[in-house]
Structure formats: C-alpha cells, structure tokens
Amino acid sequence: MADAIYQKDPPVEPKAPPKETRTAVAVTSQTIDVASLSSFVADDAAGATSTFVGTTRDTFQGKRTLRLEYEAYAPMAVRAMQVTCLFVCGGLYKRRLAR
C-alpha cells in the first residue's frame, strides 16, 4: 500500500492533515527520547499510541556486534517521512481498526 504514494500515474494528492495533527520528523544521531515523543502525540481521543524500539543481537554469524552504523541523505529521508505523515494523517490511508 505504501507504494501508492510514489505512483506517477495517477498522481496521489494528499489532503492537508487536520490542524490538531501532531507529527515530529527528524534525522538525528542523538538518542531518541521515546517517552517524550509518546507524550507529544498523546491524545485522549486516541485508543492507543504504538511505538517500536529496535535492538540488535550481540552477535551475528558468530561474530560479536560492536556497533551499528547507518547513513542517509537527511533532506531526502525527512521528506519521505513527511510524505508518509501526510499519507496517514491526510486521509489517504484510513483503516477502521475498532468498531
């Protein structure tokens, strides 16, 4: 479904998200404060806030893991995340999860 936002034909035109929508998008080398971000998006009208915190194994293929390194072109990564936020918050992707 996410591929739909990159279609060229027909174009996908996101609607503006509601004014009360809160999003936070950044590329950082700093530790992410999950509790602070969860508080930032908390909403009494929401049934849940879902987060994912990934970890890595201490070994891989018999070798000790020393560190993880990631690289990205930050402006492109931020824009892709912003498009995803528009996709979800702007009504392009809506799914009824509870009745």
C-alpha atoms as a PDB file:
ATOM      1  CA  MET A   1       0.000   0.000   0.000  1.00  0.00           C
ATOM      2  CA  ALA A   2       2.844   2.432   0.764  1.00  0.00           C
ATOM      3  CA  ASP A   3       3.971   2.177  -2.860  1.00  0.00           C
ATOM      4  CA  ALA A   4       0.844   4.118  -3.838  1.00  0.00           C
ATOM      5  CA  ILE A   5       2.403   7.366  -2.630  1.00  0.00           C
ATOM      6  CA  TYR A   6       5.161   7.022  -5.231  1.00  0.00           C
ATOM      7  CA  GLN A   7       2.914   6.250  -8.187  1.00  0.00           C
ATOM      8  CA  LYS A   8       3.307   8.533 -11.167  1.00  0.00           C
ATOM      9  CA  ASP A   9       0.017   7.587 -12.807  1.00  0.00           C
ATOM     10  CA  PRO A  10      -2.435   8.509 -11.358  1.00  0.00           C
ATOM     11  CA  PRO A  11      -0.855  11.049  -9.005  1.00  0.00           C
ATOM     12  CA  VAL A  12      -1.725  10.901  -5.329  1.00  0.00           C
ATOM     13  CA  GLU A  13      -2.713  14.265  -3.932  1.00  0.00           C
ATOM     14  CA  PRO A  14      -2.578  14.302  -0.138  1.00  0.00           C
ATOM     15  CA  LYS A  15      -5.094  16.430   1.694  1.00  0.00           C
ATOM     16  CA  ALA A  16      -3.822  18.748   4.383  1.00  0.00           C
ATOM     17  CA  PRO A  17      -3.815  16.962   7.708  1.00  0.00           C
ATOM     18  CA  PRO A  18      -6.191  18.217  10.395  1.00  0.00           C
ATOM     19  CA  LYS A  19      -4.811  21.173  12.341  1.00  0.00           C
ATOM     20  CA  GLU A  20      -4.713  19.132  15.544  1.00  0.00           C
ATOM     21  CA  THR A  21      -2.415  16.531  13.981  1.00  0.00           C
ATOM     22  CA  ARG A  22       0.992  16.426  15.641  1.00  0.00           C
ATOM     23  CA  THR A  23       3.961  14.997  13.800  1.00  0.00           C
ATOM     24  CA  ALA A  24       7.674  15.036  14.551  1.00  0.00           C
ATOM     25  CA  VAL A  25      10.113  14.216  11.761  1.00  0.00           C
ATOM     26  CA  ALA A  26      13.894  14.354  12.089  1.00  0.00           C
ATOM     27  CA  VAL A  27      17.121  12.587  11.256  1.00  0.00           C
ATOM     28  CA  THR A  28      19.400  12.641  14.265  1.00  0.00           C
ATOM     29  CA  SER A  29      22.479  10.973  15.692  1.00  0.00           C
ATOM     30  CA  GLN A  30      21.211  11.665  19.207  1.00  0.00           C
ATOM     31  CA  THR A  31      19.390   9.206  21.444  1.00  0.00           C
ATOM     32  CA  ILE A  32      15.636   9.399  20.843  1.00  0.00           C
ATOM     33  CA  ASP A  33      13.521  10.127  23.923  1.00  0.00           C
ATOM     34  CA  VAL A  34      10.642   7.715  23.287  1.00  0.00           C
ATOM     35  CA  ALA A  35       8.672   8.845  26.360  1.00  0.00           C
ATOM     36  CA  SER A  36       8.836  12.479  25.244  1.00  0.00           C
ATOM     37  CA  LEU A  37       7.654  11.635  21.715  1.00  0.00           C
ATOM     38  CA  SER A  38       4.861   9.425  23.054  1.00  0.00           C
ATOM     39  CA  SER A  39       3.726  12.304  25.238  1.00  0.00           C
ATOM     40  CA  PHE A  40       3.929  14.672  22.248  1.00  0.00           C
ATOM     41  CA  VAL A  41       1.500  12.582  20.179  1.00  0.00           C
ATOM     42  CA  ALA A  42      -0.755  11.506  23.056  1.00  0.00           C
ATOM     43  CA  ASP A  43      -4.423  12.282  22.520  1.00  0.00           C
ATOM     44  CA  ASP A  44      -7.350  11.488  24.814  1.00  0.00           C
ATOM     45  CA  ALA A  45      -9.422  10.647  21.724  1.00  0.00           C
ATOM     46  CA  ALA A  46      -6.925   8.008  20.590  1.00  0.00           C
ATOM     47  CA  GLY A  47      -7.273   4.426  21.686  1.00  0.00           C
ATOM     48  CA  ALA A  48      -3.532   3.742  21.709  1.00  0.00           C
ATOM     49  CA  THR A  49      -0.086   5.004  20.873  1.00  0.00           C
ATOM     50  CA  SER A  50       2.165   2.427  19.249  1.00  0.00           C
ATOM     51  CA  THR A  51       5.947   2.617  19.334  1.00  0.00           C
ATOM     52  CA  PHE A  52       8.702   0.325  18.127  1.00  0.00           C
ATOM     53  CA  VAL A  53      12.140   0.279  19.684  1.00  0.00           C
ATOM     54  CA  GLY A  54      14.591  -1.917  17.829  1.00  0.00           C
ATOM     55  CA  THR A  55      17.659  -3.549  19.276  1.00  0.00           C
ATOM     56  CA  THR A  56      20.386  -5.659  17.765  1.00  0.00           C
ATOM     57  CA  ARG A  57      21.822  -9.008  18.729  1.00  0.00           C
ATOM     58  CA  ASP A  58      25.184  -9.123  20.446  1.00  0.00           C
ATOM     59  CA  THR A  59      26.448 -11.479  17.744  1.00  0.00           C
ATOM     60  CA  PHE A  60      25.812 -12.036  14.042  1.00  0.00           C
ATOM     61  CA  GLN A  61      27.011 -15.103  12.141  1.00  0.00           C
ATOM     62  CA  GLY A  62      29.293 -15.981  15.031  1.00  0.00           C
ATOM     63  CA  LYS A  63      30.928 -12.544  15.203  1.00  0.00           C
ATOM     64  CA  ARG A  64      30.475 -10.059  18.042  1.00  0.00           C
ATOM     65  CA  THR A  65      28.470  -6.953  17.142  1.00  0.00           C
ATOM     66  CA  LEU A  66      30.492  -3.853  18.025  1.00  0.00           C
ATOM     67  CA  ARG A  67      28.235  -1.109  16.675  1.00  0.00           C
ATOM     68  CA  LEU A  68      25.596  -0.260  14.100  1.00  0.00           C
ATOM     69  CA  GLU A  69      26.145   2.474  11.575  1.00  0.00           C
ATOM     70  CA  TYR A  70      23.511   3.996   9.346  1.00  0.00           C
ATOM     71  CA  GLU A  71      23.751   6.642   6.697  1.00  0.00           C
ATOM     72  CA  ALA A  72      21.149   8.583   4.788  1.00  0.00           C
ATOM     73  CA  TYR A  73      20.758  11.701   2.735  1.00  0.00           C
ATOM     74  CA  ALA A  74      18.948  13.586   5.504  1.00  0.00           C
ATOM     75  CA  PRO A  75      16.866  16.007   3.362  1.00  0.00           C
ATOM     76  CA  MET A  76      15.507  13.119   1.271  1.00  0.00           C
ATOM     77  CA  ALA A  77      14.841  10.951   4.339  1.00  0.00           C
ATOM     78  CA  VAL A  78      12.990  13.791   6.106  1.00  0.00           C
ATOM     79  CA  ARG A  79      10.889  14.470   3.014  1.00  0.00           C
ATOM     80  CA  ALA A  80       9.987  10.788   2.673  1.00  0.00           C
ATOM     81  CA  MET A  81       8.891  10.711   6.321  1.00  0.00           C
ATOM     82  CA  GLN A  82       6.866  13.910   5.844  1.00  0.00           C
ATOM     83  CA  VAL A  83       5.107  12.373   2.839  1.00  0.00           C
ATOM     84  CA  THR A  84       4.315   9.321   4.957  1.00  0.00           C
ATOM     85  CA  CYS A  85       2.823  11.583   7.642  1.00  0.00           C
ATOM     86  CA  LEU A  86       0.665  13.331   5.035  1.00  0.00           C
ATOM     87  CA  PHE A  87      -0.359   9.955   3.672  1.00  0.00           C
ATOM     88  CA  VAL A  88      -1.512   8.712   7.069  1.00  0.00           C
ATOM     89  CA  CYS A  89      -2.825  11.951   8.619  1.00  0.00           C
ATOM     90  CA  GLY A  90      -4.217  13.478   5.453  1.00  0.00           C
ATOM     91  CA  GLY A  91      -6.761  10.800   4.811  1.00  0.00           C
ATOM     92  CA  LEU A  92      -5.049   8.910   2.006  1.00  0.00           C
ATOM     93  CA  TYR A  93      -4.747   5.873   4.220  1.00  0.00           C
ATOM     94  CA  LYS A  94      -7.632   5.191   6.565  1.00  0.00           C
ATOM     95  CA  ARG A  95      -8.495   1.879   8.069  1.00  0.00           C
ATOM     96  CA  ARG A  96     -11.080   1.205  10.695  1.00  0.00           C
ATOM     97  CA  LEU A  97      -9.302  -0.696  13.419  1.00  0.00           C
ATOM     98  CA  ALA A  98     -12.064  -0.876  16.021  1.00  0.00           C
ATOM     99  CA  ARG A  99     -15.826  -0.859  15.923  1.00  0.00           C
END
